[in-house]
Amino acid sequence: MSDWKKLCQLDDIPRQGSRVVASASGDIALFRTDDDEVFAVHDQCPHKGGPLSQGILTGRVVTCPLHGWKIALENGEAVAPDAGCARTFSVKRVGDDVWIAT
């Protein structure tokens, strides 16, 4: 069973952008798509640890700023031909509040 923790308001995350929150297991990057979907992934590319929060968001995919790996936000999987996975976290919105499962 997951415990839910309120992280921020939706407007605290820029549209088509990200925000980083600290956690005991490392930084978590929150991404907000153009249609207000919110995703949470460990802020570390599975390739060489680049900060995904500084990457470019296109739809539901973020491109790592270091070597261009593309990571699908819904499952953390690298887009082929690359292989690897970033840890994802369950997110929910209650009104304008953004919550994460811990």
N, C-alpha and C. Protein backbone atom coordinates (compact mmCIF):
# COMPACT_ATOMS: atom_id res chain seq x y z
N MET A 1 0.84 -1.18 0.00
CA MET A 1 0.00 0.00 0.00
C MET A 1 0.88 1.25 0.00
N SER A 2 0.55 2.19 -0.84
CA SER A 2 1.34 3.41 -0.97
C SER A 2 0.85 4.49 -0.03
N ASP A 3 1.81 5.27 0.43
CA ASP A 3 1.48 6.49 1.15
C ASP A 3 1.61 7.63 0.16
N TRP A 4 0.67 8.57 0.19
CA TRP A 4 0.70 9.70 -0.73
C TRP A 4 1.18 10.94 -0.01
N LYS A 5 2.01 11.71 -0.68
CA LYS A 5 2.56 12.93 -0.12
C LYS A 5 2.28 14.08 -1.08
N LYS A 6 1.74 15.17 -0.56
CA LYS A 6 1.51 16.35 -1.39
C LYS A 6 2.84 17.04 -1.66
N LEU A 7 3.11 17.32 -2.94
CA LEU A 7 4.39 17.92 -3.32
C LEU A 7 4.28 19.40 -3.64
N CYS A 8 3.27 19.78 -4.41
CA CYS A 8 3.20 21.15 -4.89
C CYS A 8 1.84 21.40 -5.53
N GLN A 9 1.70 22.58 -6.07
CA GLN A 9 0.53 22.94 -6.87
C GLN A 9 0.88 22.72 -8.35
N LEU A 10 -0.13 22.47 -9.16
CA LEU A 10 0.11 22.26 -10.59
C LEU A 10 0.86 23.44 -11.20
N ASP A 11 0.49 24.65 -10.84
CA ASP A 11 1.14 25.83 -11.42
C ASP A 11 2.59 26.01 -10.97
N ASP A 12 3.05 25.23 -9.99
CA ASP A 12 4.46 25.27 -9.59
C ASP A 12 5.36 24.57 -10.60
N ILE A 13 4.74 23.79 -11.51
CA ILE A 13 5.47 23.09 -12.56
C ILE A 13 5.17 23.80 -13.88
N PRO A 14 6.17 24.34 -14.55
CA PRO A 14 5.88 25.04 -15.81
C PRO A 14 5.32 24.07 -16.87
N ARG A 15 4.38 24.55 -17.65
CA ARG A 15 3.83 23.75 -18.74
C ARG A 15 4.96 23.44 -19.72
N GLN A 16 5.03 22.18 -20.16
CA GLN A 16 6.11 21.69 -21.03
C GLN A 16 7.47 21.86 -20.36
N GLY A 17 7.48 21.74 -19.03
CA GLY A 17 8.72 21.90 -18.28
C GLY A 17 8.76 20.98 -17.07
N SER A 18 9.65 21.30 -16.15
CA SER A 18 9.86 20.43 -14.99
C SER A 18 10.16 21.22 -13.73
N ARG A 19 10.09 20.50 -12.64
CA ARG A 19 10.47 21.01 -11.33
C ARG A 19 11.11 19.85 -10.58
N VAL A 20 12.13 20.13 -9.80
CA VAL A 20 12.82 19.09 -9.04
C VAL A 20 12.44 19.20 -7.57
N VAL A 21 12.15 18.03 -6.97
CA VAL A 21 11.89 17.97 -5.54
C VAL A 21 12.86 16.96 -4.93
N ALA A 22 13.34 17.26 -3.76
CA ALA A 22 14.27 16.37 -3.07
C ALA A 22 13.50 15.27 -2.35
N SER A 23 14.08 14.09 -2.32
CA SER A 23 13.50 12.99 -1.57
C SER A 23 14.63 12.20 -0.92
N ALA A 24 14.29 11.32 0.00
CA ALA A 24 15.30 10.51 0.67
C ALA A 24 16.02 9.59 -0.32
N SER A 25 15.36 9.24 -1.43
CA SER A 25 15.98 8.34 -2.41
C SER A 25 16.62 9.09 -3.58
N GLY A 26 16.74 10.40 -3.46
CA GLY A 26 17.35 11.20 -4.52
C GLY A 26 16.34 12.16 -5.12
N ASP A 27 16.82 13.05 -5.98
CA ASP A 27 15.93 14.05 -6.58
C ASP A 27 14.91 13.40 -7.51
N ILE A 28 13.72 13.96 -7.49
CA ILE A 28 12.63 13.52 -8.37
C ILE A 28 12.28 14.68 -9.28
N ALA A 29 12.20 14.39 -10.57
CA ALA A 29 11.82 15.40 -11.56
C ALA A 29 10.33 15.25 -11.84
N LEU A 30 9.60 16.34 -11.65
CA LEU A 30 8.18 16.39 -11.99
C LEU A 30 8.06 17.07 -13.34
N PHE A 31 7.35 16.46 -14.27
CA PHE A 31 7.15 17.01 -15.60
C PHE A 31 5.67 17.29 -15.82
N ARG A 32 5.38 18.40 -16.47
CA ARG A 32 4.01 18.78 -16.80
C ARG A 32 3.90 18.93 -18.32
N THR A 33 3.01 18.15 -18.91
CA THR A 33 2.83 18.23 -20.36
C THR A 33 1.97 19.43 -20.71
N ASP A 34 1.84 19.67 -22.00
CA ASP A 34 1.05 20.79 -22.49
C ASP A 34 -0.43 20.66 -22.13
N ASP A 35 -0.90 19.42 -21.95
CA ASP A 35 -2.29 19.22 -21.57
C ASP A 35 -2.44 18.89 -20.08
N ASP A 36 -1.46 19.33 -19.27
CA ASP A 36 -1.50 19.28 -17.80
C ASP A 36 -1.40 17.88 -17.20
N GLU A 37 -0.88 16.90 -17.94
CA GLU A 37 -0.56 15.62 -17.32
C GLU A 37 0.73 15.83 -16.52
N VAL A 38 0.85 15.15 -15.39
CA VAL A 38 2.05 15.27 -14.56
C VAL A 38 2.67 13.89 -14.40
N PHE A 39 3.99 13.81 -14.58
CA PHE A 39 4.74 12.58 -14.43
C PHE A 39 5.89 12.83 -13.47
N ALA A 40 6.32 11.78 -12.78
CA ALA A 40 7.45 11.89 -11.85
C ALA A 40 8.44 10.77 -12.13
N VAL A 41 9.71 11.14 -12.31
CA VAL A 41 10.78 10.17 -12.53
C VAL A 41 12.00 10.57 -11.70
N HIS A 42 12.80 9.57 -11.37
CA HIS A 42 14.07 9.84 -10.71
C HIS A 42 14.86 10.75 -11.63
N ASP A 43 15.42 11.83 -11.11
CA ASP A 43 16.09 12.84 -11.94
C ASP A 43 17.48 12.40 -12.35
N GLN A 44 17.54 11.21 -12.97
CA GLN A 44 18.83 10.67 -13.38
C GLN A 44 18.63 9.77 -14.59
N CYS A 45 19.24 10.12 -15.70
CA CYS A 45 19.15 9.31 -16.90
C CYS A 45 19.81 7.95 -16.66
N PRO A 46 19.20 6.87 -17.15
CA PRO A 46 19.82 5.55 -16.94
C PRO A 46 21.11 5.35 -17.72
N HIS A 47 21.42 6.24 -18.66
CA HIS A 47 22.64 6.11 -19.46
C HIS A 47 23.87 6.48 -18.65
N LYS A 48 23.98 7.77 -18.29
CA LYS A 48 25.15 8.22 -17.53
C LYS A 48 24.79 9.19 -16.43
N GLY A 49 23.54 9.12 -15.97
CA GLY A 49 23.14 9.90 -14.81
C GLY A 49 22.83 11.36 -15.06
N GLY A 50 22.63 11.75 -16.30
CA GLY A 50 22.32 13.14 -16.60
C GLY A 50 21.02 13.59 -15.95
N PRO A 51 20.90 14.89 -15.65
CA PRO A 51 19.70 15.42 -14.99
C PRO A 51 18.54 15.54 -15.98
N LEU A 52 17.61 14.59 -15.92
CA LEU A 52 16.47 14.60 -16.84
C LEU A 52 15.66 15.88 -16.72
N SER A 53 15.63 16.48 -15.53
CA SER A 53 14.85 17.71 -15.32
C SER A 53 15.35 18.86 -16.19
N GLN A 54 16.57 18.77 -16.68
CA GLN A 54 17.12 19.81 -17.54
C GLN A 54 16.97 19.49 -19.02
N GLY A 55 16.29 18.39 -19.31
CA GLY A 55 16.10 17.97 -20.69
C GLY A 55 14.92 18.68 -21.35
N ILE A 56 14.73 18.37 -22.61
CA ILE A 56 13.64 18.96 -23.40
C ILE A 56 12.47 17.99 -23.40
N LEU A 57 11.30 18.50 -23.02
CA LEU A 57 10.08 17.70 -22.96
C LEU A 57 9.31 17.85 -24.28
N THR A 58 9.00 16.72 -24.90
CA THR A 58 8.20 16.69 -26.12
C THR A 58 7.09 15.68 -25.90
N GLY A 59 5.88 16.15 -25.72
CA GLY A 59 4.78 15.24 -25.42
C GLY A 59 5.03 14.55 -24.10
N ARG A 60 5.12 13.21 -24.15
CA ARG A 60 5.35 12.41 -22.94
C ARG A 60 6.77 11.83 -22.91
N VAL A 61 7.70 12.48 -23.60
CA VAL A 61 9.09 12.01 -23.68
C VAL A 61 10.01 13.16 -23.33
N VAL A 62 11.03 12.86 -22.50
CA VAL A 62 12.04 13.86 -22.18
C VAL A 62 13.37 13.40 -22.80
N THR A 63 14.10 14.35 -23.38
CA THR A 63 15.41 14.07 -23.97
C THR A 63 16.49 14.51 -22.99
N CYS A 64 17.34 13.58 -22.59
CA CYS A 64 18.43 13.89 -21.66
C CYS A 64 19.36 14.94 -22.26
N PRO A 65 19.74 15.95 -21.47
CA PRO A 65 20.59 17.01 -22.00
C PRO A 65 22.05 16.58 -22.24
N LEU A 66 22.48 15.46 -21.69
CA LEU A 66 23.88 15.07 -21.85
C LEU A 66 24.17 14.36 -23.17
N HIS A 67 23.42 13.30 -23.47
CA HIS A 67 23.73 12.50 -24.65
C HIS A 67 22.53 12.22 -25.53
N GLY A 68 21.40 12.89 -25.27
CA GLY A 68 20.26 12.80 -26.17
C GLY A 68 19.37 11.58 -26.03
N TRP A 69 19.57 10.79 -24.96
CA TRP A 69 18.66 9.66 -24.77
C TRP A 69 17.26 10.18 -24.55
N LYS A 70 16.28 9.47 -25.09
CA LYS A 70 14.88 9.83 -24.91
C LYS A 70 14.25 8.84 -23.91
N ILE A 71 13.57 9.40 -22.90
CA ILE A 71 12.96 8.59 -21.85
C ILE A 71 11.45 8.82 -21.86
N ALA A 72 10.68 7.73 -21.98
CA ALA A 72 9.22 7.80 -21.93
C ALA A 72 8.79 8.02 -20.49
N LEU A 73 8.04 9.07 -20.24
CA LEU A 73 7.70 9.44 -18.86
C LEU A 73 6.69 8.50 -18.21
N GLU A 74 5.81 7.86 -18.99
CA GLU A 74 4.81 7.02 -18.36
C GLU A 74 5.37 5.75 -17.75
N ASN A 75 6.55 5.28 -18.25
CA ASN A 75 7.13 4.07 -17.68
C ASN A 75 8.64 4.16 -17.41
N GLY A 76 9.27 5.26 -17.76
CA GLY A 76 10.70 5.45 -17.51
C GLY A 76 11.62 4.75 -18.48
N GLU A 77 11.05 4.03 -19.46
CA GLU A 77 11.86 3.26 -20.41
C GLU A 77 12.53 4.16 -21.43
N ALA A 78 13.78 3.82 -21.74
CA ALA A 78 14.48 4.51 -22.83
C ALA A 78 13.82 4.12 -24.15
N VAL A 79 13.74 5.08 -25.07
CA VAL A 79 13.15 4.85 -26.39
C VAL A 79 14.21 4.18 -27.26
N ALA A 80 13.81 3.12 -28.00
CA ALA A 80 14.73 2.38 -28.86
C ALA A 80 15.42 3.34 -29.84
N PRO A 81 16.68 3.12 -30.15
CA PRO A 81 17.43 1.89 -29.92
C PRO A 81 18.11 1.82 -28.56
N ASP A 82 17.97 2.85 -27.74
CA ASP A 82 18.61 2.82 -26.42
C ASP A 82 17.84 1.89 -25.50
N ALA A 83 18.51 1.40 -24.46
CA ALA A 83 17.89 0.49 -23.51
C ALA A 83 18.26 0.88 -22.10
N GLY A 84 17.29 0.91 -21.23
CA GLY A 84 17.50 1.27 -19.83
C GLY A 84 16.20 1.82 -19.29
N CYS A 85 16.19 2.08 -18.00
CA CYS A 85 14.95 2.53 -17.38
C CYS A 85 15.24 3.45 -16.20
N ALA A 86 14.53 4.56 -16.14
CA ALA A 86 14.59 5.46 -14.99
C ALA A 86 13.42 5.11 -14.08
N ARG A 87 13.62 5.18 -12.79
CA ARG A 87 12.55 4.87 -11.84
C ARG A 87 11.43 5.91 -11.96
N THR A 88 10.20 5.44 -11.99
CA THR A 88 9.04 6.32 -12.04
C THR A 88 8.29 6.26 -10.71
N PHE A 89 7.47 7.25 -10.49
CA PHE A 89 6.66 7.34 -9.28
C PHE A 89 5.22 7.62 -9.69
N SER A 90 4.27 7.02 -8.98
CA SER A 90 2.86 7.29 -9.25
C SER A 90 2.52 8.70 -8.81
N VAL A 91 1.75 9.39 -9.65
CA VAL A 91 1.35 10.77 -9.39
C VAL A 91 -0.16 10.86 -9.51
N LYS A 92 -0.75 11.69 -8.67
CA LYS A 92 -2.17 12.00 -8.83
C LYS A 92 -2.38 13.48 -8.56
N ARG A 93 -3.47 13.99 -9.16
CA ARG A 93 -3.86 15.37 -8.90
C ARG A 93 -5.18 15.37 -8.16
N VAL A 94 -5.24 16.18 -7.14
CA VAL A 94 -6.49 16.42 -6.42
C VAL A 94 -6.73 17.92 -6.54
N GLY A 95 -7.63 18.30 -7.44
CA GLY A 95 -7.78 19.71 -7.76
C GLY A 95 -6.49 20.18 -8.40
N ASP A 96 -5.88 21.23 -7.83
CA ASP A 96 -4.61 21.73 -8.33
C ASP A 96 -3.42 21.21 -7.53
N ASP A 97 -3.65 20.33 -6.56
CA ASP A 97 -2.57 19.75 -5.77
C ASP A 97 -1.97 18.55 -6.49
N VAL A 98 -0.65 18.43 -6.47
CA VAL A 98 0.05 17.31 -7.07
C VAL A 98 0.58 16.43 -5.94
N TRP A 99 0.23 15.15 -5.99
CA TRP A 99 0.62 14.16 -4.97
C TRP A 99 1.46 13.08 -5.60
N ILE A 100 2.37 12.49 -4.81
CA ILE A 100 3.22 11.40 -5.28
C ILE A 100 3.13 10.26 -4.29
N ALA A 101 3.17 9.03 -4.83
CA ALA A 101 3.16 7.83 -3.98
C ALA A 101 4.58 7.55 -3.52
N THR A 102 4.73 7.32 -2.23
CA THR A 102 6.06 7.04 -1.67
C THR A 102 6.12 5.62 -1.15
